[in-house]
Amino acid sequence: MALRNLFAHKVKSFIVGALMAFGTFVFVFGTAMLDSVEGTMTESITSSIAGHLQIYDADAKDELSLFGSGYMSADDVGHIPDFAQVKAALADTPGVQAVVPMGLGFSMVSSPSDLDRRVAALRLAHAEGRGADVQAGTADFAPSFGHFGSEPGVLTREGSVATFDAAGLGQNSVQ
Protein backbone atom coordinates (compact mmCIF):
# COMPACT_ATOMS: atom_id res chain seq x y z
CA MET A 1 0.00 0.00 0.00
CA ALA A 2 2.86 2.43 0.82
CA LEU A 3 4.54 1.80 -2.48
CA ARG A 4 1.27 2.39 -4.29
CA ASN A 5 0.90 5.82 -2.56
CA LEU A 6 4.46 6.77 -3.48
CA PHE A 7 3.85 6.06 -7.16
CA ALA A 8 0.38 7.59 -7.11
CA HIS A 9 1.72 10.97 -5.88
CA LYS A 10 5.09 11.15 -7.62
CA VAL A 11 5.57 14.94 -7.37
CA LYS A 12 4.66 15.12 -3.69
CA SER A 13 6.84 12.11 -2.93
CA PHE A 14 9.79 13.67 -4.79
CA ILE A 15 9.41 17.01 -2.93
CA VAL A 16 9.22 15.31 0.48
CA GLY A 17 12.20 13.06 -0.37
CA ALA A 18 14.25 16.04 -1.61
CA LEU A 19 13.48 18.01 1.56
CA MET A 20 14.49 15.08 3.74
CA ALA A 21 17.72 14.59 1.78
CA PHE A 22 18.54 18.32 1.98
CA GLY A 23 17.86 18.39 5.74
CA THR A 24 20.09 15.37 6.26
CA PHE A 25 22.84 16.98 4.18
CA VAL A 26 22.65 20.25 6.19
CA PHE A 27 22.75 18.33 9.48
CA VAL A 28 25.75 16.19 8.48
CA PHE A 29 27.62 19.13 6.92
CA GLY A 30 26.97 21.39 9.94
CA THR A 31 28.07 18.74 12.42
CA ALA A 32 31.24 18.08 10.42
CA MET A 33 32.03 21.81 10.30
CA LEU A 34 31.53 22.22 14.05
CA ASP A 35 33.73 19.21 14.79
CA SER A 36 36.41 20.58 12.45
CA VAL A 37 36.36 24.05 14.02
CA GLU A 38 36.46 22.60 17.55
CA GLY A 39 39.38 20.32 16.67
CA THR A 40 41.31 23.14 15.00
CA MET A 41 40.77 25.50 17.94
CA THR A 42 41.77 22.85 20.44
CA GLU A 43 44.94 22.04 18.52
CA SER A 44 45.81 25.71 18.05
CA ILE A 45 45.36 26.67 21.71
CA THR A 46 47.07 23.52 22.98
CA SER A 47 50.09 23.90 20.71
CA SER A 48 50.56 27.65 21.05
CA ILE A 49 49.31 28.76 24.48
CA ALA A 50 48.14 26.20 26.99
CA GLY A 51 49.80 22.88 26.38
CA HIS A 52 48.10 19.71 27.56
CA LEU A 53 48.61 20.23 31.29
CA GLN A 54 48.83 23.29 33.54
CA ILE A 55 50.28 23.07 37.04
CA TYR A 56 49.86 25.82 39.61
CA ASP A 57 50.16 26.37 43.36
CA ALA A 58 47.75 24.33 45.48
CA ASP A 59 47.32 27.33 47.81
CA ALA A 60 46.32 29.72 44.99
CA LYS A 61 43.47 32.10 45.75
CA ASP A 62 42.06 31.91 42.20
CA GLU A 63 41.60 29.01 39.82
CA LEU A 64 43.86 28.92 36.80
CA SER A 65 42.15 30.44 33.79
CA LEU A 66 43.67 30.35 30.33
CA PHE A 67 42.94 34.01 29.53
CA GLY A 68 42.49 35.35 33.07
CA SER A 69 39.31 36.31 34.82
CA GLY A 70 38.84 39.39 32.64
CA TYR A 71 38.35 41.89 35.46
CA MET A 72 41.38 44.11 34.71
CA SER A 73 43.44 42.43 37.41
CA ALA A 74 45.82 39.53 37.53
CA ASP A 75 44.52 36.29 38.96
CA ASP A 76 46.37 35.05 42.03
CA VAL A 77 47.42 31.54 41.03
CA GLY A 78 50.20 31.43 43.59
CA HIS A 79 53.87 30.74 43.11
CA ILE A 80 55.71 27.44 42.81
CA PRO A 81 58.73 28.03 45.08
CA ASP A 82 61.13 25.42 43.62
CA PHE A 83 60.25 25.31 39.94
CA ALA A 84 63.52 23.58 39.00
CA GLN A 85 62.55 20.54 41.10
CA VAL A 86 59.04 20.43 39.58
CA LYS A 87 60.45 20.83 36.07
CA ALA A 88 62.92 17.98 36.60
CA ALA A 89 60.18 15.68 37.92
CA LEU A 90 57.87 16.50 35.01
CA ALA A 91 60.63 16.15 32.41
CA ASP A 92 61.36 12.61 33.69
CA THR A 93 57.70 11.62 33.23
CA PRO A 94 57.15 9.35 30.20
CA GLY A 95 55.27 11.08 27.40
CA VAL A 96 56.26 14.62 28.43
CA GLN A 97 57.77 16.34 25.42
CA ALA A 98 58.59 19.72 27.02
CA VAL A 99 58.06 21.70 30.22
CA VAL A 100 57.48 25.39 29.60
CA PRO A 101 57.16 27.87 32.48
CA MET A 102 54.41 30.43 32.13
CA GLY A 103 54.07 33.68 34.05
CA LEU A 104 51.01 35.84 34.38
CA GLY A 105 51.08 39.60 34.73
CA PHE A 106 49.26 42.82 34.01
CA SER A 107 50.57 46.15 32.79
CA MET A 108 49.39 49.29 31.09
CA VAL A 109 51.41 51.48 28.73
CA SER A 110 50.50 54.98 27.67
CA SER A 111 52.26 57.82 25.95
CA PRO A 112 52.76 61.18 27.65
CA SER A 113 50.25 63.96 27.02
CA ASP A 114 51.16 67.44 25.81
CA LEU A 115 51.06 68.67 29.39
CA ASP A 116 53.42 65.87 30.50
CA ARG A 117 55.90 66.75 27.74
CA ARG A 118 55.81 70.47 28.52
CA VAL A 119 56.24 69.94 32.26
CA ALA A 120 59.15 67.56 31.58
CA ALA A 121 60.80 70.27 29.45
CA LEU A 122 60.33 72.77 32.30
CA ARG A 123 61.87 70.33 34.78
CA LEU A 124 64.86 69.82 32.51
CA ALA A 125 65.32 73.58 32.01
CA HIS A 126 65.14 74.10 35.79
CA ALA A 127 67.63 71.29 36.46
CA GLU A 128 70.05 72.75 33.91
CA GLY A 129 69.72 76.23 35.43
CA ARG A 130 68.12 77.80 32.36
CA GLY A 131 65.94 80.29 34.25
CA ALA A 132 64.90 82.23 31.14
CA ASP A 133 63.54 79.06 29.51
CA VAL A 134 61.69 78.16 32.70
CA GLN A 135 60.25 81.69 32.92
CA ALA A 136 59.15 81.61 29.26
CA GLY A 137 57.72 78.12 29.60
CA THR A 138 55.60 79.01 32.62
CA ALA A 139 54.21 82.07 30.84
CA ASP A 140 52.58 79.65 28.37
CA PHE A 141 50.83 77.93 31.27
CA ALA A 142 49.63 81.16 32.98
CA PRO A 143 46.06 81.06 31.57
CA SER A 144 45.60 77.56 32.99
CA PHE A 145 46.96 78.29 36.47
CA GLY A 146 43.78 79.85 37.85
CA HIS A 147 42.01 76.54 38.49
CA PHE A 148 44.86 75.15 40.63
CA GLY A 149 43.98 77.48 43.51
CA SER A 150 47.61 78.00 44.48
CA GLU A 151 50.83 79.23 43.04
CA PRO A 152 52.03 76.84 40.32
CA GLY A 153 55.37 75.13 40.57
CA VAL A 154 57.56 72.64 38.79
CA LEU A 155 58.61 69.69 40.94
CA THR A 156 62.12 68.52 40.14
CA ARG A 157 63.54 65.03 40.52
CA GLU A 158 65.58 66.20 43.52
CA GLY A 159 62.40 67.24 45.32
CA SER A 160 62.87 71.01 45.10
CA VAL A 161 60.07 73.16 43.71
CA ALA A 162 60.59 76.13 41.43
CA THR A 163 57.57 78.40 41.98
CA PHE A 164 56.22 81.24 39.87
CA ASP A 165 53.56 83.88 40.28
CA ALA A 166 50.14 83.29 38.66
CA ALA A 167 50.93 85.46 35.64
CA GLY A 168 54.15 83.61 34.97
CA LEU A 169 56.03 86.86 35.61
CA GLY A 170 58.17 88.03 38.49
CA GLN A 171 60.86 86.37 40.51
CA ASN A 172 61.53 82.66 40.56
CA SER A 173 62.25 81.08 43.88
CA VAL A 174 63.66 77.68 44.51
CA GLN A 175 62.65 76.01 47.78
C-alpha atoms as a PDB file:
ATOM      1  CA  MET A   1       0.000   0.000   0.000  1.00  0.00           C
ATOM      2  CA  ALA A   2       2.859   2.430   0.818  1.00  0.00           C
ATOM      3  CA  LEU A   3       4.543   1.796  -2.484  1.00  0.00           C
ATOM      4  CA  ARG A   4       1.267   2.386  -4.289  1.00  0.00           C
ATOM      5  CA  ASN A   5       0.904   5.819  -2.559  1.00  0.00           C
ATOM      6  CA  LEU A   6       4.461   6.774  -3.483  1.00  0.00           C
ATOM      7  CA  PHE A   7       3.847   6.062  -7.155  1.00  0.00           C
ATOM      8  CA  ALA A   8       0.383   7.587  -7.109  1.00  0.00           C
ATOM      9  CA  HIS A   9       1.722  10.970  -5.885  1.00  0.00           C
ATOM     10  CA  LYS A  10       5.094  11.145  -7.621  1.00  0.00           C
ATOM     11  CA  VAL A  11       5.575  14.944  -7.372  1.00  0.00           C
ATOM     12  CA  LYS A  12       4.658  15.125  -3.686  1.00  0.00           C
ATOM     13  CA  SER A  13       6.843  12.106  -2.934  1.00  0.00           C
ATOM     14  CA  PHE A  14       9.786  13.669  -4.789  1.00  0.00           C
ATOM     15  CA  ILE A  15       9.412  17.010  -2.933  1.00  0.00           C
ATOM     16  CA  VAL A  16       9.222  15.313   0.475  1.00  0.00           C
ATOM     17  CA  GLY A  17      12.197  13.057  -0.369  1.00  0.00           C
ATOM     18  CA  ALA A  18      14.251  16.039  -1.608  1.00  0.00           C
ATOM     19  CA  LEU A  19      13.479  18.014   1.563  1.00  0.00           C
ATOM     20  CA  MET A  20      14.485  15.076   3.743  1.00  0.00           C
ATOM     21  CA  ALA A  21      17.725  14.586   1.780  1.00  0.00           C
ATOM     22  CA  PHE A  22      18.536  18.317   1.985  1.00  0.00           C
ATOM     23  CA  GLY A  23      17.860  18.386   5.737  1.00  0.00           C
ATOM     24  CA  THR A  24      20.090  15.365   6.262  1.00  0.00           C
ATOM     25  CA  PHE A  25      22.844  16.979   4.179  1.00  0.00           C
ATOM     26  CA  VAL A  26      22.654  20.248   6.194  1.00  0.00           C
ATOM     27  CA  PHE A  27      22.750  18.333   9.481  1.00  0.00           C
ATOM     28  CA  VAL A  28      25.748  16.192   8.484  1.00  0.00           C
ATOM     29  CA  PHE A  29      27.621  19.133   6.917  1.00  0.00           C
ATOM     30  CA  GLY A  30      26.972  21.387   9.937  1.00  0.00           C
ATOM     31  CA  THR A  31      28.069  18.742  12.417  1.00  0.00           C
ATOM     32  CA  ALA A  32      31.239  18.080  10.415  1.00  0.00           C
ATOM     33  CA  MET A  33      32.034  21.807  10.297  1.00  0.00           C
ATOM     34  CA  LEU A  34      31.534  22.222  14.051  1.00  0.00           C
ATOM     35  CA  ASP A  35      33.734  19.211  14.790  1.00  0.00           C
ATOM     36  CA  SER A  36      36.413  20.576  12.448  1.00  0.00           C
ATOM     37  CA  VAL A  37      36.364  24.055  14.025  1.00  0.00           C
ATOM     38  CA  GLU A  38      36.462  22.605  17.546  1.00  0.00           C
ATOM     39  CA  GLY A  39      39.377  20.320  16.673  1.00  0.00           C
ATOM     40  CA  THR A  40      41.310  23.139  14.999  1.00  0.00           C
ATOM     41  CA  MET A  41      40.768  25.504  17.936  1.00  0.00           C
ATOM     42  CA  THR A  42      41.774  22.851  20.436  1.00  0.00           C
ATOM     43  CA  GLU A  43      44.942  22.040  18.516  1.00  0.00           C
ATOM     44  CA  SER A  44      45.809  25.714  18.051  1.00  0.00           C
ATOM     45  CA  ILE A  45      45.359  26.666  21.708  1.00  0.00           C
ATOM     46  CA  THR A  46      47.068  23.522  22.977  1.00  0.00           C
ATOM     47  CA  SER A  47      50.087  23.904  20.710  1.00  0.00           C
ATOM     48  CA  SER A  48      50.562  27.654  21.046  1.00  0.00           C
ATOM     49  CA  ILE A  49      49.306  28.755  24.481  1.00  0.00           C
ATOM     50  CA  ALA A  50      48.139  26.203  26.987  1.00  0.00           C
ATOM     51  CA  GLY A  51      49.796  22.876  26.383  1.00  0.00           C
ATOM     52  CA  HIS A  52      48.100  19.710  27.557  1.00  0.00           C
ATOM     53  CA  LEU A  53      48.613  20.230  31.287  1.00  0.00           C
ATOM     54  CA  GLN A  54      48.835  23.288  33.544  1.00  0.00           C
ATOM     55  CA  ILE A  55      50.279  23.066  37.037  1.00  0.00           C
ATOM     56  CA  TYR A  56      49.858  25.819  39.615  1.00  0.00           C
ATOM     57  CA  ASP A  57      50.158  26.373  43.365  1.00  0.00           C
ATOM     58  CA  ALA A  58      47.750  24.330  45.482  1.00  0.00           C
ATOM     59  CA  ASP A  59      47.317  27.330  47.811  1.00  0.00           C
ATOM     60  CA  ALA A  60      46.325  29.716  44.990  1.00  0.00           C
ATOM     61  CA  LYS A  61      43.470  32.101  45.746  1.00  0.00           C
ATOM     62  CA  ASP A  62      42.062  31.907  42.198  1.00  0.00           C
ATOM     63  CA  GLU A  63      41.601  29.012  39.822  1.00  0.00           C
ATOM     64  CA  LEU A  64      43.857  28.916  36.802  1.00  0.00           C
ATOM     65  CA  SER A  65      42.153  30.443  33.786  1.00  0.00           C
ATOM     66  CA  LEU A  66      43.673  30.352  30.326  1.00  0.00           C
ATOM     67  CA  PHE A  67      42.939  34.007  29.527  1.00  0.00           C
ATOM     68  CA  GLY A  68      42.491  35.351  33.070  1.00  0.00           C
ATOM     69  CA  SER A  69      39.311  36.309  34.824  1.00  0.00           C
ATOM     70  CA  GLY A  70      38.836  39.389  32.638  1.00  0.00           C
ATOM     71  CA  TYR A  71      38.347  41.889  35.460  1.00  0.00           C
ATOM     72  CA  MET A  72      41.381  44.109  34.714  1.00  0.00           C
ATOM     73  CA  SER A  73      43.443  42.434  37.406  1.00  0.00           C
ATOM     74  CA  ALA A  74      45.822  39.533  37.525  1.00  0.00           C
ATOM     75  CA  ASP A  75      44.517  36.291  38.959  1.00  0.00           C
ATOM     76  CA  ASP A  76      46.365  35.046  42.029  1.00  0.00           C
ATOM     77  CA  VAL A  77      47.424  31.540  41.031  1.00  0.00           C
ATOM     78  CA  GLY A  78      50.199  31.434  43.585  1.00  0.00           C
ATOM     79  CA  HIS A  79      53.870  30.740  43.112  1.00  0.00           C
ATOM     80  CA  ILE A  80      55.712  27.441  42.815  1.00  0.00           C
ATOM     81  CA  PRO A  81      58.727  28.026  45.076  1.00  0.00           C
ATOM     82  CA  ASP A  82      61.127  25.423  43.621  1.00  0.00           C
ATOM     83  CA  PHE A  83      60.247  25.310  39.935  1.00  0.00           C
ATOM     84  CA  ALA A  84      63.519  23.578  39.000  1.00  0.00           C
ATOM     85  CA  GLN A  85      62.554  20.538  41.097  1.00  0.00           C
ATOM     86  CA  VAL A  86      59.040  20.430  39.583  1.00  0.00           C
ATOM     87  CA  LYS A  87      60.447  20.829  36.073  1.00  0.00           C
ATOM     88  CA  ALA A  88      62.917  17.976  36.605  1.00  0.00           C
ATOM     89  CA  ALA A  89      60.178  15.681  37.918  1.00  0.00           C
ATOM     90  CA  LEU A  90      57.875  16.502  35.013  1.00  0.00           C
ATOM     91  CA  ALA A  91      60.633  16.148  32.407  1.00  0.00           C
ATOM     92  CA  ASP A  92      61.360  12.612  33.687  1.00  0.00           C
ATOM     93  CA  THR A  93      57.701  11.617  33.234  1.00  0.00           C
ATOM     94  CA  PRO A  94      57.148   9.346  30.198  1.00  0.00           C
ATOM     95  CA  GLY A  95      55.273  11.084  27.399  1.00  0.00           C
ATOM     96  CA  VAL A  96      56.255  14.616  28.425  1.00  0.00           C
ATOM     97  CA  GLN A  97      57.773  16.338  25.416  1.00  0.00           C
ATOM     98  CA  ALA A  98      58.588  19.722  27.019  1.00  0.00           C
ATOM     99  CA  VAL A  99      58.058  21.696  30.221  1.00  0.00           C
ATOM    100  CA  VAL A 100      57.482  25.389  29.598  1.00  0.00           C
ATOM    101  CA  PRO A 101      57.165  27.869  32.481  1.00  0.00           C
ATOM    102  CA  MET A 102      54.406  30.433  32.131  1.00  0.00           C
ATOM    103  CA  GLY A 103      54.066  33.676  34.047  1.00  0.00           C
ATOM    104  CA  LEU A 104      51.009  35.835  34.378  1.00  0.00           C
ATOM    105  CA  GLY A 105      51.078  39.602  34.734  1.00  0.00           C
ATOM    106  CA  PHE A 106      49.255  42.819  34.011  1.00  0.00           C
ATOM    107  CA  SER A 107      50.575  46.153  32.785  1.00  0.00           C
ATOM    108  CA  MET A 108      49.392  49.294  31.091  1.00  0.00           C
ATOM    109  CA  VAL A 109      51.411  51.477  28.729  1.00  0.00           C
ATOM    110  CA  SER A 110      50.497  54.979  27.670  1.00  0.00           C
ATOM    111  CA  SER A 111      52.263  57.818  25.947  1.00  0.00           C
ATOM    112  CA  PRO A 112      52.756  61.181  27.650  1.00  0.00           C
ATOM    113  CA  SER A 113      50.254  63.958  27.022  1.00  0.00           C
ATOM    114  CA  ASP A 114      51.164  67.440  25.807  1.00  0.00           C
ATOM    115  CA  LEU A 115      51.059  68.667  29.391  1.00  0.00           C
ATOM    116  CA  ASP A 116      53.416  65.875  30.499  1.00  0.00           C
ATOM    117  CA  ARG A 117      55.897  66.750  27.736  1.00  0.00           C
ATOM    118  CA  ARG A 118      55.814  70.473  28.518  1.00  0.00           C
ATOM    119  CA  VAL A 119      56.243  69.935  32.262  1.00  0.00           C
ATOM    120  CA  ALA A 120      59.154  67.559  31.582  1.00  0.00           C
ATOM    121  CA  ALA A 121      60.795  70.274  29.448  1.00  0.00           C
ATOM    122  CA  LEU A 122      60.333  72.767  32.300  1.00  0.00           C
ATOM    123  CA  ARG A 123      61.872  70.331  34.780  1.00  0.00           C
ATOM    124  CA  LEU A 124      64.863  69.825  32.511  1.00  0.00           C
ATOM    125  CA  ALA A 125      65.317  73.582  32.010  1.00  0.00           C
ATOM    126  CA  HIS A 126      65.143  74.096  35.786  1.00  0.00           C
ATOM    127  CA  ALA A 127      67.634  71.292  36.460  1.00  0.00           C
ATOM    128  CA  GLU A 128      70.054  72.747  33.908  1.00  0.00           C
ATOM    129  CA  GLY A 129      69.718  76.227  35.428  1.00  0.00           C
ATOM    130  CA  ARG A 130      68.116  77.796  32.363  1.00  0.00           C
ATOM    131  CA  GLY A 131      65.943  80.292  34.252  1.00  0.00           C
ATOM    132  CA  ALA A 132      64.900  82.229  31.140  1.00  0.00           C
ATOM    133  CA  ASP A 133      63.538  79.061  29.509  1.00  0.00           C
ATOM    134  CA  VAL A 134      61.690  78.160  32.701  1.00  0.00           C
ATOM    135  CA  GLN A 135      60.250  81.689  32.919  1.00  0.00           C
ATOM    136  CA  ALA A 136      59.147  81.606  29.257  1.00  0.00           C
ATOM    137  CA  GLY A 137      57.719  78.118  29.598  1.00  0.00           C
ATOM    138  CA  THR A 138      55.597  79.009  32.618  1.00  0.00           C
ATOM    139  CA  ALA A 139      54.208  82.071  30.839  1.00  0.00           C
ATOM    140  CA  ASP A 140      52.581  79.650  28.365  1.00  0.00           C
ATOM    141  CA  PHE A 141      50.826  77.930  31.271  1.00  0.00           C
ATOM    142  CA  ALA A 142      49.633  81.160  32.975  1.00  0.00           C
ATOM    143  CA  PRO A 143      46.060  81.061  31.572  1.00  0.00           C
ATOM    144  CA  SER A 144      45.604  77.557  32.994  1.00  0.00           C
ATOM    145  CA  PHE A 145      46.959  78.285  36.473  1.00  0.00           C
ATOM    146  CA  GLY A 146      43.783  79.847  37.854  1.00  0.00           C
ATOM    147  CA  HIS A 147      42.014  76.543  38.488  1.00  0.00           C
ATOM    148  CA  PHE A 148      44.859  75.146  40.627  1.00  0.00           C
ATOM    149  CA  GLY A 149      43.976  77.484  43.508  1.00  0.00           C
ATOM    150  CA  SER A 150      47.613  78.004  44.477  1.00  0.00           C
ATOM    151  CA  GLU A 151      50.827  79.232  43.039  1.00  0.00           C
ATOM    152  CA  PRO A 152      52.034  76.842  40.318  1.00  0.00           C
ATOM    153  CA  GLY A 153      55.369  75.131  40.565  1.00  0.00           C
ATOM    154  CA  VAL A 154      57.562  72.636  38.790  1.00  0.00           C
ATOM    155  CA  LEU A 155      58.612  69.690  40.942  1.00  0.00           C
ATOM    156  CA  THR A 156      62.116  68.525  40.139  1.00  0.00           C
ATOM    157  CA  ARG A 157      63.541  65.033  40.520  1.00  0.00           C
ATOM    158  CA  GLU A 158      65.584  66.203  43.519  1.00  0.00           C
ATOM    159  CA  GLY A 159      62.398  67.241  45.320  1.00  0.00           C
ATOM    160  CA  SER A 160      62.867  71.006  45.101  1.00  0.00           C
ATOM    161  CA  VAL A 161      60.073  73.165  43.711  1.00  0.00           C
ATOM    162  CA  ALA A 162      60.588  76.130  41.429  1.00  0.00           C
ATOM    163  CA  THR A 163      57.569  78.402  41.979  1.00  0.00           C
ATOM    164  CA  PHE A 164      56.219  81.238  39.875  1.00  0.00           C
ATOM    165  CA  ASP A 165      53.562  83.879  40.281  1.00  0.00           C
ATOM    166  CA  ALA A 166      50.137  83.288  38.662  1.00  0.00           C
ATOM    167  CA  ALA A 167      50.930  85.458  35.640  1.00  0.00           C
ATOM    168  CA  GLY A 168      54.148  83.608  34.972  1.00  0.00           C
ATOM    169  CA  LEU A 169      56.033  86.861  35.612  1.00  0.00           C
ATOM    170  CA  GLY A 170      58.171  88.027  38.488  1.00  0.00           C
ATOM    171  CA  GLN A 171      60.862  86.368  40.510  1.00  0.00           C
ATOM    172  CA  ASN A 172      61.534  82.663  40.564  1.00  0.00           C
ATOM    173  CA  SER A 173      62.249  81.081  43.880  1.00  0.00           C
ATOM    174  CA  VAL A 174      63.661  77.683  44.514  1.00  0.00           C
ATOM    175  CA  GLN A 175      62.655  76.010  47.778  1.00  0.00           C
END
